[in-house]
Amino acid sequence: MKLLISNDDGISALGIRTLANCLAEAGHHVTVVCPDRERSATGHGLTMHQPIRAEIVESIFHPAVKAWACDGTPSDCVKLALWALLESPPDLVLSGINQGANLGTEILYSGTVSAAMEGLIEGIPSIALSLTSHTSKDFQSAAKFSKILVEQLALKPLPGLMLLNVNVPAVKWEEIAGVTFTRQGIRRYVDVFDQRVDPRGKTYYWLTGEVLEDVEPPEGLNLPQNVPIDVHVIRKNYISVTPLQYNLTYGNALEQLSNWEFQFP
């Protein structure tokens, strides 16, 4: 298959090298276009008021991989690849392997998910891949599953245009309990701004935060309640696969709001 791979951890990240090399060695046609530095938590930001530059990168990836480093956001990278760098559209857009989970409401901030979502917006099925650890450097299990998943999609394409948000536990392959399709959960954070003073006496703030709790999504979202939540299955060493779309319309609310009446002068 023809694959476009990006990320938000940057061109030097071990996760993207492991992913791209694994898929290239499996015989896929792999192109990498990703940020030239870490661009985590950038969401779906695009560069609008300055030029975007991309340079060919050599000697980092498998010899069969063609790679560019871009000074834009993850979404910039995918958009630039699809509209300027690639001669023809890929079969799949992959993003990752991210260093750290993208579960629950984290996906709203994730540059990893946003890069994959950019592919989806352009009509290409996409996959976001994350390793659920900020410290582990063993991406082999996640890469192995990505190879299996891509081979599955080559034989049996997705039934509709969607993004698969994949989170892989940071354990050895033999310890993976299985694969589970999930729905998006909710993660609540305690956000703390650490106030500091720079050498010039100016005050600045450093955002820190910890997960306070993982909670059930609110009722009325028209989601199947018998499907497990992503943040729950990861704790049991299951790979979580959540299908996502970019249309955020709250369907049930349209019916609930339909009887509202507005008075105009």
Foldseek 3Di string as FASTA:
>chain_A
DEEEEEEQAAPQALWRQLQQQLQVVVPYQYEYFYAHHHRWLQALDWDDPDDKDKDWDPDRHDPSYTYIHINIALLNRLVCCPPPVDPHDGQEYEYDQAQAACAAPSLRRGSQNSNQQSCLVVPHEYERHYEHHNPDSDCPLRSVVVNVVVVVCVVPNDPDRWYKYKYAYPDDNVQQPEAFEAEGWHWDKDWDWDWDADPVRDIDTDIDIDTPDIDGDDPQQPDPPVGHGPVPVVVSRYMYIYIDHDDPDSVSVCVVCVPDDDDDD
